[in-house]
Amino acid sequence: MAGHSKWANIKHKKAREDAKRGKIFSKLAKEITVAAKLGGGDPEGNPRLRHAIDKARSFNMPKDNIERAIKKGTGESGGADYEQVTYEGYGPGGVAVLVEVLTDNRNRTVGEIRHAFSKNKGNLGENGCVAWLFESKGYLTVPKSAVSEEQLLELALEAGAEDVRDGEGVWEVLTEPDQYDAVRSGLEQAGVPIESAEVTMLPKNTVKLQGADAERMLRLMEMLEDNDDVQNVYANFDIEDAEMERIAGS
């Protein structure tokens, strides 16, 4: 979890900076389009679409953009036909990496992803080679200044959460995927401010990295997440805070 927490904080900060420039909107629109195509345009009856819209709103994506993306998915307006693909591989130091993609050109995308891995001493693997090292969980973060751990634990468990953990400057609330909506709703109704919320893939264990391997791993994550076709990247690395700061300052 430690590695996830640290990278999640970096990722969310970067994503919010990207949102100011509208850079992240194309990725959000893709997910909305695919969710609407697969499960219909009504978010009340389509959890994946509801989650995609919630995420888009958290980045202040304009309402018109959201509605256009839904219409593309339901066939009311034209648009690219995106394919869902998950790539698995190993980063430097044997770190397990899952890459979730929405693409209209699989050959282009796999070439770009393979290049990112090879440039950073990693390699793509076969389907299933690392997926077993992750599990799907609802993951919410709450500012520590907003509520005590005891108060949050009581509210979260009552709403259906699995656990509350001490994260990097936040409380981390974990849920089973089918309890995510109920827990998020329960915390919001109790007036608990939620900093970030998503259904994600959490590693079952982590691999500690330092030095050159840590630098390459962070560079690999950045290259993958900067790819327009990549929706999500999950990895089971753990890098100490001091090492993170050293790399960020270099």
C-alpha atoms as a PDB file:
ATOM      1  CA  MET A   1       0.000   0.000   0.000  1.00  0.00           C
ATOM      2  CA  ALA A   2       2.843   2.396   0.774  1.00  0.00           C
ATOM      3  CA  GLY A   3       3.982   2.509  -2.827  1.00  0.00           C
ATOM      4  CA  HIS A   4       0.440   3.013  -4.033  1.00  0.00           C
ATOM      5  CA  SER A   5      -0.103   5.881  -1.588  1.00  0.00           C
ATOM      6  CA  LYS A   6       3.005   7.771  -2.615  1.00  0.00           C
ATOM      7  CA  TRP A   7       2.461   7.375  -6.324  1.00  0.00           C
ATOM      8  CA  ALA A   8      -1.267   8.118  -5.990  1.00  0.00           C
ATOM      9  CA  ASN A   9      -0.440  11.469  -4.390  1.00  0.00           C
ATOM     10  CA  ILE A  10       1.993  12.330  -7.191  1.00  0.00           C
ATOM     11  CA  LYS A  11      -0.444  11.129  -9.846  1.00  0.00           C
ATOM     12  CA  HIS A  12      -3.415  13.099  -8.522  1.00  0.00           C
ATOM     13  CA  LYS A  13      -1.359  16.274  -8.204  1.00  0.00           C
ATOM     14  CA  LYS A  14      -0.085  15.892 -11.774  1.00  0.00           C
ATOM     15  CA  ALA A  15      -3.565  15.060 -13.071  1.00  0.00           C
ATOM     16  CA  ARG A  16      -4.990  18.211 -11.533  1.00  0.00           C
ATOM     17  CA  GLU A  17      -2.247  20.266 -13.169  1.00  0.00           C
ATOM     18  CA  ASP A  18      -3.032  18.559 -16.487  1.00  0.00           C
ATOM     19  CA  ALA A  19      -6.743  19.268 -15.984  1.00  0.00           C
ATOM     20  CA  LYS A  20      -6.026  22.993 -15.864  1.00  0.00           C
ATOM     21  CA  ARG A  21      -4.733  22.695 -19.407  1.00  0.00           C
ATOM     22  CA  GLY A  22      -7.509  20.339 -20.506  1.00  0.00           C
ATOM     23  CA  LYS A  23      -4.913  17.635 -21.180  1.00  0.00           C
ATOM     24  CA  ILE A  24      -6.676  15.001 -19.124  1.00  0.00           C
ATOM     25  CA  PHE A  25     -10.129  15.588 -20.618  1.00  0.00           C
ATOM     26  CA  SER A  26      -9.547  13.325 -23.634  1.00  0.00           C
ATOM     27  CA  LYS A  27      -8.799  10.371 -21.358  1.00  0.00           C
ATOM     28  CA  LEU A  28     -11.841  11.072 -19.219  1.00  0.00           C
ATOM     29  CA  ALA A  29     -14.026  11.386 -22.325  1.00  0.00           C
ATOM     30  CA  LYS A  30     -12.793   8.036 -23.661  1.00  0.00           C
ATOM     31  CA  GLU A  31     -13.765   6.261 -20.458  1.00  0.00           C
ATOM     32  CA  ILE A  32     -17.209   7.907 -20.446  1.00  0.00           C
ATOM     33  CA  THR A  33     -17.756   6.941 -24.093  1.00  0.00           C
ATOM     34  CA  VAL A  34     -16.790   3.306 -23.559  1.00  0.00           C
ATOM     35  CA  ALA A  35     -18.821   3.063 -20.342  1.00  0.00           C
ATOM     36  CA  ALA A  36     -21.915   4.425 -22.127  1.00  0.00           C
ATOM     37  CA  LYS A  37     -21.371   2.093 -25.074  1.00  0.00           C
ATOM     38  CA  LEU A  38     -21.106  -0.985 -22.848  1.00  0.00           C
ATOM     39  CA  GLY A  39     -23.797  -0.224 -20.295  1.00  0.00           C
ATOM     40  CA  GLY A  40     -26.049   2.515 -21.689  1.00  0.00           C
ATOM     41  CA  GLY A  41     -26.218   6.253 -21.192  1.00  0.00           C
ATOM     42  CA  ASP A  42     -28.073   6.318 -17.855  1.00  0.00           C
ATOM     43  CA  PRO A  43     -25.545   6.614 -14.993  1.00  0.00           C
ATOM     44  CA  GLU A  44     -28.136   5.449 -12.468  1.00  0.00           C
ATOM     45  CA  GLY A  45     -28.203   2.028 -14.095  1.00  0.00           C
ATOM     46  CA  ASN A  46     -24.564   1.989 -15.201  1.00  0.00           C
ATOM     47  CA  PRO A  47     -22.035   2.063 -12.311  1.00  0.00           C
ATOM     48  CA  ARG A  48     -19.025   2.310 -14.604  1.00  0.00           C
ATOM     49  CA  LEU A  49     -20.502   5.366 -16.321  1.00  0.00           C
ATOM     50  CA  ARG A  50     -21.428   6.895 -12.966  1.00  0.00           C
ATOM     51  CA  HIS A  51     -17.878   6.487 -11.691  1.00  0.00           C
ATOM     52  CA  ALA A  52     -16.447   7.926 -14.930  1.00  0.00           C
ATOM     53  CA  ILE A  53     -18.714  10.976 -14.692  1.00  0.00           C
ATOM     54  CA  ASP A  54     -17.838  11.488 -11.017  1.00  0.00           C
ATOM     55  CA  LYS A  55     -14.144  11.408 -11.878  1.00  0.00           C
ATOM     56  CA  ALA A  56     -14.637  13.844 -14.765  1.00  0.00           C
ATOM     57  CA  ARG A  57     -16.497  16.249 -12.489  1.00  0.00           C
ATOM     58  CA  SER A  58     -13.707  16.034  -9.899  1.00  0.00           C
ATOM     59  CA  PHE A  59     -11.402  17.502 -12.555  1.00  0.00           C
ATOM     60  CA  ASN A  60     -13.976  20.173 -13.477  1.00  0.00           C
ATOM     61  CA  MET A  61     -14.589  18.716 -16.929  1.00  0.00           C
ATOM     62  CA  PRO A  62     -17.298  20.853 -18.614  1.00  0.00           C
ATOM     63  CA  LYS A  63     -20.817  19.426 -18.640  1.00  0.00           C
ATOM     64  CA  ASP A  64     -21.012  19.733 -22.446  1.00  0.00           C
ATOM     65  CA  ASN A  65     -17.890  17.561 -22.823  1.00  0.00           C
ATOM     66  CA  ILE A  66     -19.425  14.892 -20.598  1.00  0.00           C
ATOM     67  CA  GLU A  67     -22.702  14.898 -22.524  1.00  0.00           C
ATOM     68  CA  ARG A  68     -20.889  14.681 -25.890  1.00  0.00           C
ATOM     69  CA  ALA A  69     -18.878  11.705 -24.669  1.00  0.00           C
ATOM     70  CA  ILE A  70     -22.048   9.919 -23.525  1.00  0.00           C
ATOM     71  CA  LYS A  71     -23.714  10.527 -26.891  1.00  0.00           C
ATOM     72  CA  LYS A  72     -20.713   9.083 -28.710  1.00  0.00           C
ATOM     73  CA  GLY A  73     -21.023   5.972 -26.611  1.00  0.00           C
ATOM     74  CA  THR A  74     -24.748   5.547 -27.164  1.00  0.00           C
ATOM     75  CA  GLY A  75     -24.416   6.133 -30.907  1.00  0.00           C
ATOM     76  CA  GLU A  76     -26.179   9.508 -30.979  1.00  0.00           C
ATOM     77  CA  SER A  77     -23.094  11.105 -32.502  1.00  0.00           C
ATOM     78  CA  GLY A  78     -20.062   9.794 -34.359  1.00  0.00           C
ATOM     79  CA  GLY A  79     -16.791   8.876 -32.759  1.00  0.00           C
ATOM     80  CA  ALA A  80     -13.889   6.454 -32.719  1.00  0.00           C
ATOM     81  CA  ASP A  81     -14.505   2.835 -31.805  1.00  0.00           C
ATOM     82  CA  TYR A  82     -12.241   2.233 -28.818  1.00  0.00           C
ATOM     83  CA  GLU A  83     -10.931  -1.176 -27.810  1.00  0.00           C
ATOM     84  CA  GLN A  84     -10.161  -2.093 -24.211  1.00  0.00           C
ATOM     85  CA  VAL A  85      -6.803  -3.794 -23.708  1.00  0.00           C
ATOM     86  CA  THR A  86      -4.796  -4.598 -20.567  1.00  0.00           C
ATOM     87  CA  TYR A  87      -1.036  -5.059 -20.895  1.00  0.00           C
ATOM     88  CA  GLU A  88       1.097  -6.701 -18.225  1.00  0.00           C
ATOM     89  CA  GLY A  89       4.807  -6.548 -17.697  1.00  0.00           C
ATOM     90  CA  TYR A  90       7.780  -6.019 -15.438  1.00  0.00           C
ATOM     91  CA  GLY A  91       9.497  -2.780 -14.607  1.00  0.00           C
ATOM     92  CA  PRO A  92      13.031  -2.330 -13.260  1.00  0.00           C
ATOM     93  CA  GLY A  93      13.781  -4.485 -10.216  1.00  0.00           C
ATOM     94  CA  GLY A  94      11.047  -6.950 -11.138  1.00  0.00           C
ATOM     95  CA  VAL A  95       8.165  -4.578 -10.313  1.00  0.00           C
ATOM     96  CA  ALA A  96       4.791  -5.844 -11.559  1.00  0.00           C
ATOM     97  CA  VAL A  97       3.003  -3.386 -13.874  1.00  0.00           C
ATOM     98  CA  LEU A  98      -0.579  -3.408 -15.195  1.00  0.00           C
ATOM     99  CA  VAL A  99      -1.514  -0.975 -17.970  1.00  0.00           C
ATOM    100  CA  GLU A 100      -5.167  -0.385 -18.886  1.00  0.00           C
ATOM    101  CA  VAL A 101      -5.697   1.047 -22.350  1.00  0.00           C
ATOM    102  CA  LEU A 102      -8.517   2.389 -24.536  1.00  0.00           C
ATOM    103  CA  THR A 103      -7.294   2.607 -28.115  1.00  0.00           C
ATOM    104  CA  ASP A 104      -8.512   2.869 -31.699  1.00  0.00           C
ATOM    105  CA  ASN A 105      -5.204   1.415 -32.979  1.00  0.00           C
ATOM    106  CA  ARG A 106      -3.825  -1.515 -30.981  1.00  0.00           C
ATOM    107  CA  ASN A 107      -0.637  -1.818 -33.071  1.00  0.00           C
ATOM    108  CA  ARG A 108       0.314   1.808 -32.450  1.00  0.00           C
ATOM    109  CA  THR A 109      -0.418   1.586 -28.751  1.00  0.00           C
ATOM    110  CA  VAL A 110       1.425  -1.664 -28.027  1.00  0.00           C
ATOM    111  CA  GLY A 111       4.473  -0.330 -29.860  1.00  0.00           C
ATOM    112  CA  GLU A 112       4.516   2.810 -27.720  1.00  0.00           C
ATOM    113  CA  ILE A 113       4.037   0.849 -24.502  1.00  0.00           C
ATOM    114  CA  ARG A 114       6.752  -1.662 -25.394  1.00  0.00           C
ATOM    115  CA  HIS A 115       9.103   1.256 -26.091  1.00  0.00           C
ATOM    116  CA  ALA A 116       8.396   2.795 -22.668  1.00  0.00           C
ATOM    117  CA  PHE A 117       9.171  -0.503 -20.928  1.00  0.00           C
ATOM    118  CA  SER A 118      12.352  -1.240 -22.875  1.00  0.00           C
ATOM    119  CA  LYS A 119      13.695   2.289 -22.467  1.00  0.00           C
ATOM    120  CA  ASN A 120      13.470   1.895 -18.678  1.00  0.00           C
ATOM    121  CA  LYS A 121      14.912  -1.625 -18.265  1.00  0.00           C
ATOM    122  CA  GLY A 122      11.524  -3.339 -18.212  1.00  0.00           C
ATOM    123  CA  ASN A 123       9.657  -5.650 -20.543  1.00  0.00           C
ATOM    124  CA  LEU A 124       6.130  -6.598 -21.550  1.00  0.00           C
ATOM    125  CA  GLY A 125       4.950 -10.037 -20.444  1.00  0.00           C
ATOM    126  CA  GLU A 126       2.208 -12.515 -21.277  1.00  0.00           C
ATOM    127  CA  ASN A 127      -1.415 -11.986 -20.244  1.00  0.00           C
ATOM    128  CA  GLY A 128      -1.856 -13.077 -16.641  1.00  0.00           C
ATOM    129  CA  CYS A 129       1.814 -12.821 -15.693  1.00  0.00           C
ATOM    130  CA  VAL A 130       1.287 -10.156 -13.009  1.00  0.00           C
ATOM    131  CA  ALA A 131      -2.484  -9.617 -12.697  1.00  0.00           C
ATOM    132  CA  TRP A 132      -2.658 -12.086  -9.802  1.00  0.00           C
ATOM    133  CA  LEU A 133      -0.499  -9.722  -7.742  1.00  0.00           C
ATOM    134  CA  PHE A 134      -3.296  -7.103  -7.661  1.00  0.00           C
ATOM    135  CA  GLU A 135      -6.859  -6.979  -6.361  1.00  0.00           C
ATOM    136  CA  SER A 136      -9.727  -4.646  -7.227  1.00  0.00           C
ATOM    137  CA  LYS A 137     -10.690  -2.337  -4.362  1.00  0.00           C
ATOM    138  CA  GLY A 138     -12.600   0.835  -3.722  1.00  0.00           C
ATOM    139  CA  TYR A 139     -10.050   3.403  -2.546  1.00  0.00           C
ATOM    140  CA  LEU A 140     -10.959   6.736  -0.967  1.00  0.00           C
ATOM    141  CA  THR A 141      -8.733   9.269   0.763  1.00  0.00           C
ATOM    142  CA  VAL A 142      -9.755  11.747   3.454  1.00  0.00           C
ATOM    143  CA  PRO A 143      -7.600  14.641   4.778  1.00  0.00           C
ATOM    144  CA  LYS A 144      -6.269  13.870   8.240  1.00  0.00           C
ATOM    145  CA  SER A 145      -7.182  17.386   9.349  1.00  0.00           C
ATOM    146  CA  ALA A 146     -10.868  16.736   8.640  1.00  0.00           C
ATOM    147  CA  VAL A 147     -11.586  13.844  10.987  1.00  0.00           C
ATOM    148  CA  SER A 148      -9.876  11.594  13.524  1.00  0.00           C
ATOM    149  CA  GLU A 149      -8.991   8.026  12.625  1.00  0.00           C
ATOM    150  CA  GLU A 150     -11.439   6.699  15.230  1.00  0.00           C
ATOM    151  CA  GLN A 151     -14.322   8.801  13.926  1.00  0.00           C
ATOM    152  CA  LEU A 152     -13.611   7.885  10.321  1.00  0.00           C
ATOM    153  CA  LEU A 153     -13.233   4.191  11.129  1.00  0.00           C
ATOM    154  CA  GLU A 154     -16.631   4.145  12.825  1.00  0.00           C
ATOM    155  CA  LEU A 155     -18.356   5.985   9.948  1.00  0.00           C
ATOM    156  CA  ALA A 156     -16.616   3.990   7.232  1.00  0.00           C
ATOM    157  CA  LEU A 157     -17.280   0.558   8.746  1.00  0.00           C
ATOM    158  CA  GLU A 158     -20.914   1.475   9.330  1.00  0.00           C
ATOM    159  CA  ALA A 159     -21.216   2.412   5.647  1.00  0.00           C
ATOM    160  CA  GLY A 160     -19.709  -0.931   4.564  1.00  0.00           C
ATOM    161  CA  ALA A 161     -15.965  -0.278   4.281  1.00  0.00           C
ATOM    162  CA  GLU A 162     -13.313  -2.942   4.909  1.00  0.00           C
ATOM    163  CA  ASP A 163     -10.704  -0.860   6.667  1.00  0.00           C
ATOM    164  CA  VAL A 164      -9.195   2.563   7.310  1.00  0.00           C
ATOM    165  CA  ARG A 165      -5.395   2.932   7.079  1.00  0.00           C
ATOM    166  CA  ASP A 166      -2.827   5.619   7.732  1.00  0.00           C
ATOM    167  CA  GLY A 167      -1.626   6.903   4.354  1.00  0.00           C
ATOM    168  CA  GLU A 168       0.694   9.634   3.116  1.00  0.00           C
ATOM    169  CA  GLY A 169      -0.900  12.660   4.796  1.00  0.00           C
ATOM    170  CA  VAL A 170      -4.389  11.183   4.412  1.00  0.00           C
ATOM    171  CA  TRP A 171      -6.603   8.439   5.785  1.00  0.00           C
ATOM    172  CA  GLU A 172      -7.138   5.655   3.267  1.00  0.00           C
ATOM    173  CA  VAL A 173     -10.541   3.969   3.186  1.00  0.00           C
ATOM    174  CA  LEU A 174     -10.681   0.538   1.520  1.00  0.00           C
ATOM    175  CA  THR A 175     -13.832  -1.180   0.282  1.00  0.00           C
ATOM    176  CA  GLU A 176     -14.905  -4.111  -1.815  1.00  0.00           C
ATOM    177  CA  PRO A 177     -15.771  -2.809  -5.319  1.00  0.00           C
ATOM    178  CA  ASP A 178     -19.499  -3.484  -4.860  1.00  0.00           C
ATOM    179  CA  GLN A 179     -19.501  -1.439  -1.623  1.00  0.00           C
ATOM    180  CA  TYR A 180     -17.677   1.567  -3.069  1.00  0.00           C
ATOM    181  CA  ASP A 181     -20.790   3.609  -3.912  1.00  0.00           C
ATOM    182  CA  ALA A 182     -22.413   2.960  -0.534  1.00  0.00           C
ATOM    183  CA  VAL A 183     -19.280   3.905   1.395  1.00  0.00           C
ATOM    184  CA  ARG A 184     -18.682   7.049  -0.619  1.00  0.00           C
ATOM    185  CA  SER A 185     -22.315   8.095  -0.205  1.00  0.00           C
ATOM    186  CA  GLY A 186     -22.242   7.325   3.528  1.00  0.00           C
ATOM    187  CA  LEU A 187     -19.141   9.451   4.116  1.00  0.00           C
ATOM    188  CA  GLU A 188     -20.498  12.331   2.047  1.00  0.00           C
ATOM    189  CA  GLN A 189     -23.788  12.277   3.932  1.00  0.00           C
ATOM    190  CA  ALA A 190     -21.842  12.380   7.208  1.00  0.00           C
ATOM    191  CA  GLY A 191     -20.071  15.525   5.993  1.00  0.00           C
ATOM    192  CA  VAL A 192     -16.657  13.889   5.580  1.00  0.00           C
ATOM    193  CA  PRO A 193     -14.635  15.623   2.824  1.00  0.00           C
ATOM    194  CA  ILE A 194     -13.274  13.135   0.299  1.00  0.00           C
ATOM    195  CA  GLU A 195     -10.001  14.122  -1.365  1.00  0.00           C
ATOM    196  CA  SER A 196      -9.982  11.368  -3.999  1.00  0.00           C
ATOM    197  CA  ALA A 197     -12.127   8.326  -4.733  1.00  0.00           C
ATOM    198  CA  GLU A 198     -11.861   5.521  -7.271  1.00  0.00           C
ATOM    199  CA  VAL A 199     -12.195   1.820  -7.859  1.00  0.00           C
ATOM    200  CA  THR A 200      -8.606   0.781  -8.453  1.00  0.00           C
ATOM    201  CA  MET A 201      -6.176  -2.134  -8.450  1.00  0.00           C
ATOM    202  CA  LEU A 202      -4.097  -2.384  -5.274  1.00  0.00           C
ATOM    203  CA  PRO A 203      -0.951  -4.528  -5.005  1.00  0.00           C
ATOM    204  CA  LYS A 204      -0.999  -7.482  -2.610  1.00  0.00           C
ATOM    205  CA  ASN A 205       2.706  -6.915  -1.883  1.00  0.00           C
ATOM    206  CA  THR A 206       5.371  -4.409  -2.879  1.00  0.00           C
ATOM    207  CA  VAL A 207       8.935  -4.357  -4.208  1.00  0.00           C
ATOM    208  CA  LYS A 208      11.339  -1.871  -2.632  1.00  0.00           C
ATOM    209  CA  LEU A 209      13.377   0.191  -5.084  1.00  0.00           C
ATOM    210  CA  GLN A 210      16.218   2.654  -4.728  1.00  0.00           C
ATOM    211  CA  GLY A 211      18.882   4.309  -6.821  1.00  0.00           C
ATOM    212  CA  ALA A 212      18.798   3.833 -10.581  1.00  0.00           C
ATOM    213  CA  ASP A 213      15.930   1.324 -10.453  1.00  0.00           C
ATOM    214  CA  ALA A 214      13.760   3.825  -8.557  1.00  0.00           C
ATOM    215  CA  GLU A 215      14.558   6.546 -11.097  1.00  0.00           C
ATOM    216  CA  ARG A 216      13.747   4.266 -14.025  1.00  0.00           C
ATOM    217  CA  MET A 217      10.501   3.102 -12.414  1.00  0.00           C
ATOM    218  CA  LEU A 218       9.201   6.628 -11.918  1.00  0.00           C
ATOM    219  CA  ARG A 219      10.243   7.534 -15.470  1.00  0.00           C
ATOM    220  CA  LEU A 220       8.392   4.464 -16.776  1.00  0.00           C
ATOM    221  CA  MET A 221       5.241   5.435 -14.860  1.00  0.00           C
ATOM    222  CA  GLU A 222       5.399   8.972 -16.243  1.00  0.00           C
ATOM    223  CA  MET A 223       5.919   7.782 -19.817  1.00  0.00           C
ATOM    224  CA  LEU A 224       3.003   5.365 -19.610  1.00  0.00           C
ATOM    225  CA  GLU A 225       0.605   7.820 -17.983  1.00  0.00           C
ATOM    226  CA  ASP A 226       1.525  10.537 -20.489  1.00  0.00           C
ATOM    227  CA  ASN A 227       0.371   8.234 -23.307  1.00  0.00           C
ATOM    228  CA  ASP A 228      -3.048   9.401 -24.569  1.00  0.00           C
ATOM    229  CA  ASP A 229      -4.287   5.810 -24.938  1.00  0.00           C
ATOM    230  CA  VAL A 230      -3.381   4.756 -21.396  1.00  0.00           C
ATOM    231  CA  GLN A 231      -6.197   5.115 -18.879  1.00  0.00           C
ATOM    232  CA  ASN A 232      -4.617   3.600 -15.764  1.00  0.00           C
ATOM    233  CA  VAL A 233      -1.251   2.243 -14.657  1.00  0.00           C
ATOM    234  CA  TYR A 234      -0.836   0.082 -11.564  1.00  0.00           C
ATOM    235  CA  ALA A 235       2.488  -1.079 -10.129  1.00  0.00           C
ATOM    236  CA  ASN A 236       3.683  -2.689  -6.914  1.00  0.00           C
ATOM    237  CA  PHE A 237       6.824  -0.632  -6.249  1.00  0.00           C
ATOM    238  CA  ASP A 238       7.697   1.010  -2.943  1.00  0.00           C
ATOM    239  CA  ILE A 239      10.143   3.916  -2.867  1.00  0.00           C
ATOM    240  CA  GLU A 240      11.178   5.656   0.362  1.00  0.00           C
ATOM    241  CA  ASP A 241      10.124   9.292   0.829  1.00  0.00           C
ATOM    242  CA  ALA A 242      13.714  10.529   0.902  1.00  0.00           C
ATOM    243  CA  GLU A 243      14.429   8.715  -2.353  1.00  0.00           C
ATOM    244  CA  MET A 244      11.296  10.204  -3.955  1.00  0.00           C
ATOM    245  CA  GLU A 245      12.427  13.700  -2.915  1.00  0.00           C
ATOM    246  CA  ARG A 246      15.949  13.089  -4.220  1.00  0.00           C
ATOM    247  CA  ILE A 247      14.639  11.976  -7.618  1.00  0.00           C
ATOM    248  CA  ALA A 248      12.151  14.838  -7.823  1.00  0.00           C
ATOM    249  CA  GLY A 249      14.933  17.334  -7.126  1.00  0.00           C
ATOM    250  CA  SER A 250      17.435  15.889  -9.570  1.00  0.00           C
END
